[in-house]
Amino acid sequence: MNRFTVGKDLDFDDRLAKYDVFGSMAHCKMLAEIGLISQKESLDLLSVLNEILEEIQNNTFEIDPEAEDIHSQIEAILIKKLGLAGKKYTLLVPETIRFCWILNCICWMKSGKLAA
């Protein structure tokens, strides 16, 4: 796998950005439903995630070349804009599930269950 991805992360991230946002939105809603973040924090996070999605869809979103990946950049934006709520959210996002979000979102998109 490394042979195909090392050094190309940001290129892939550019194409997967909106799917990462969709996954982040779903995760945010789940965290609120189970009480790990408040409804207000969820709404605030979703508002910023919608702003990011809008930028992606308008082709005005730029991935910082210093960012580890698209998800790290999204987390950094959430922390910058929301402070503690952004930090709480990022602490509740294990590295191991990041790619699962993207894969699930792609499957949902293909099945027509998630609007583009």
Protein backbone atom coordinates (compact mmCIF):
# COMPACT_ATOMS: atom_id res chain seq x y z
CA MET A 1 0.00 0.00 0.00
CA ASN A 2 2.80 2.42 0.87
CA ARG A 3 4.16 2.03 -2.66
CA PHE A 4 0.98 3.64 -3.99
CA THR A 5 0.35 6.28 -1.32
CA VAL A 6 3.60 7.55 0.19
CA GLY A 7 4.21 11.08 -1.04
CA LYS A 8 0.73 11.28 -2.59
CA ASP A 9 -1.31 11.78 0.59
CA LEU A 10 -2.35 15.36 -0.08
CA ASP A 11 -3.35 14.50 -3.65
CA PHE A 12 -5.62 11.74 -2.36
CA ASP A 13 -6.83 13.97 0.48
CA ASP A 14 -7.89 16.63 -2.01
CA ARG A 15 -10.14 14.10 -3.72
CA LEU A 16 -11.45 12.60 -0.47
CA ALA A 17 -11.95 15.85 1.47
CA LYS A 18 -15.74 16.04 1.21
CA TYR A 19 -16.07 12.41 2.26
CA ASP A 20 -13.95 13.06 5.32
CA VAL A 21 -16.27 15.96 6.19
CA PHE A 22 -19.32 13.70 5.77
CA GLY A 23 -17.71 11.16 8.11
CA SER A 24 -16.88 13.89 10.60
CA MET A 25 -20.48 15.09 10.53
CA ALA A 26 -21.79 11.58 11.21
CA HIS A 27 -19.27 11.09 14.01
CA CYS A 28 -20.20 14.44 15.53
CA LYS A 29 -23.90 13.52 15.57
CA MET A 30 -23.11 10.17 17.17
CA LEU A 31 -20.99 11.79 19.89
CA ALA A 32 -23.93 14.06 20.78
CA GLU A 33 -26.42 11.19 20.72
CA ILE A 34 -24.41 9.20 23.24
CA GLY A 35 -23.71 12.26 25.40
CA LEU A 36 -19.96 12.68 24.91
CA ILE A 37 -20.51 16.19 23.59
CA SER A 38 -23.46 18.49 24.18
CA GLN A 39 -26.11 19.26 21.57
CA LYS A 40 -24.80 22.84 21.40
CA GLU A 41 -21.25 21.61 20.80
CA SER A 42 -22.57 19.29 18.11
CA LEU A 43 -24.44 22.12 16.38
CA ASP A 44 -21.36 24.36 16.56
CA LEU A 45 -19.14 21.62 15.14
CA LEU A 46 -21.64 20.85 12.39
CA SER A 47 -21.81 24.53 11.47
CA VAL A 48 -18.05 24.72 10.96
CA LEU A 49 -18.03 21.38 9.13
CA ASN A 50 -20.71 22.76 6.79
CA GLU A 51 -18.52 25.82 6.14
CA ILE A 52 -15.61 23.52 5.28
CA LEU A 53 -17.84 21.42 3.01
CA GLU A 54 -19.03 24.55 1.22
CA GLU A 55 -15.44 25.62 0.59
CA ILE A 56 -14.61 22.15 -0.74
CA GLN A 57 -17.62 22.16 -3.07
CA ASN A 58 -16.75 25.68 -4.27
CA ASN A 59 -13.14 24.64 -4.89
CA THR A 60 -11.91 27.33 -2.48
CA PHE A 61 -10.67 24.95 0.23
CA GLU A 62 -6.91 24.61 0.33
CA ILE A 63 -5.08 21.85 2.12
CA ASP A 64 -2.14 23.18 4.09
CA PRO A 65 0.98 21.41 2.78
CA GLU A 66 2.17 21.20 6.41
CA ALA A 67 -0.94 19.23 7.43
CA GLU A 68 -0.49 15.53 8.06
CA ASP A 69 -3.66 14.80 6.12
CA ILE A 70 -7.09 16.27 5.38
CA HIS A 71 -8.55 15.06 8.66
CA SER A 72 -5.76 16.69 10.66
CA GLN A 73 -6.46 19.94 8.87
CA ILE A 74 -10.19 19.70 9.57
CA GLU A 75 -9.40 19.09 13.24
CA ALA A 76 -7.09 22.12 13.29
CA ILE A 77 -9.84 24.30 11.79
CA LEU A 78 -12.36 23.05 14.37
CA ILE A 79 -9.96 23.81 17.22
CA LYS A 80 -9.11 27.25 15.83
CA LYS A 81 -12.76 28.23 15.36
CA LEU A 82 -14.32 26.49 18.37
CA GLY A 83 -11.60 26.14 20.98
CA LEU A 84 -12.58 23.61 23.64
CA ALA A 85 -15.41 22.05 21.61
CA GLY A 86 -12.99 21.45 18.73
CA LYS A 87 -10.42 19.96 21.11
CA LYS A 88 -13.00 17.66 22.70
CA TYR A 89 -14.09 16.46 19.29
CA THR A 90 -10.56 15.73 18.12
CA LEU A 91 -9.74 13.81 21.30
CA LEU A 92 -12.70 11.54 20.60
CA VAL A 93 -11.54 10.62 17.08
CA PRO A 94 -9.15 7.67 17.17
CA GLU A 95 -6.71 7.45 14.27
CA THR A 96 -7.85 3.93 13.49
CA ILE A 97 -11.34 4.96 12.39
CA ARG A 98 -10.44 7.87 10.13
CA PHE A 99 -10.15 5.77 7.01
CA CYS A 100 -13.28 3.81 7.92
CA TRP A 101 -15.27 7.04 7.69
CA ILE A 102 -13.97 7.73 4.22
CA LEU A 103 -14.63 4.19 3.01
CA ASN A 104 -18.14 4.17 4.49
CA CYS A 105 -18.95 7.53 2.94
CA ILE A 106 -17.77 6.34 -0.46
CA CYS A 107 -19.99 3.25 -0.13
CA TRP A 108 -22.95 5.39 0.91
CA MET A 109 -22.37 7.74 -2.00
CA LYS A 110 -22.27 4.85 -4.44
CA SER A 111 -25.46 3.39 -2.98
CA GLY A 112 -27.24 6.75 -3.26
CA LYS A 113 -27.94 6.92 0.48
CA LEU A 114 -25.79 9.99 1.05
CA ALA A 115 -26.22 13.10 -1.06
CA ALA A 116 -23.10 14.50 -2.72
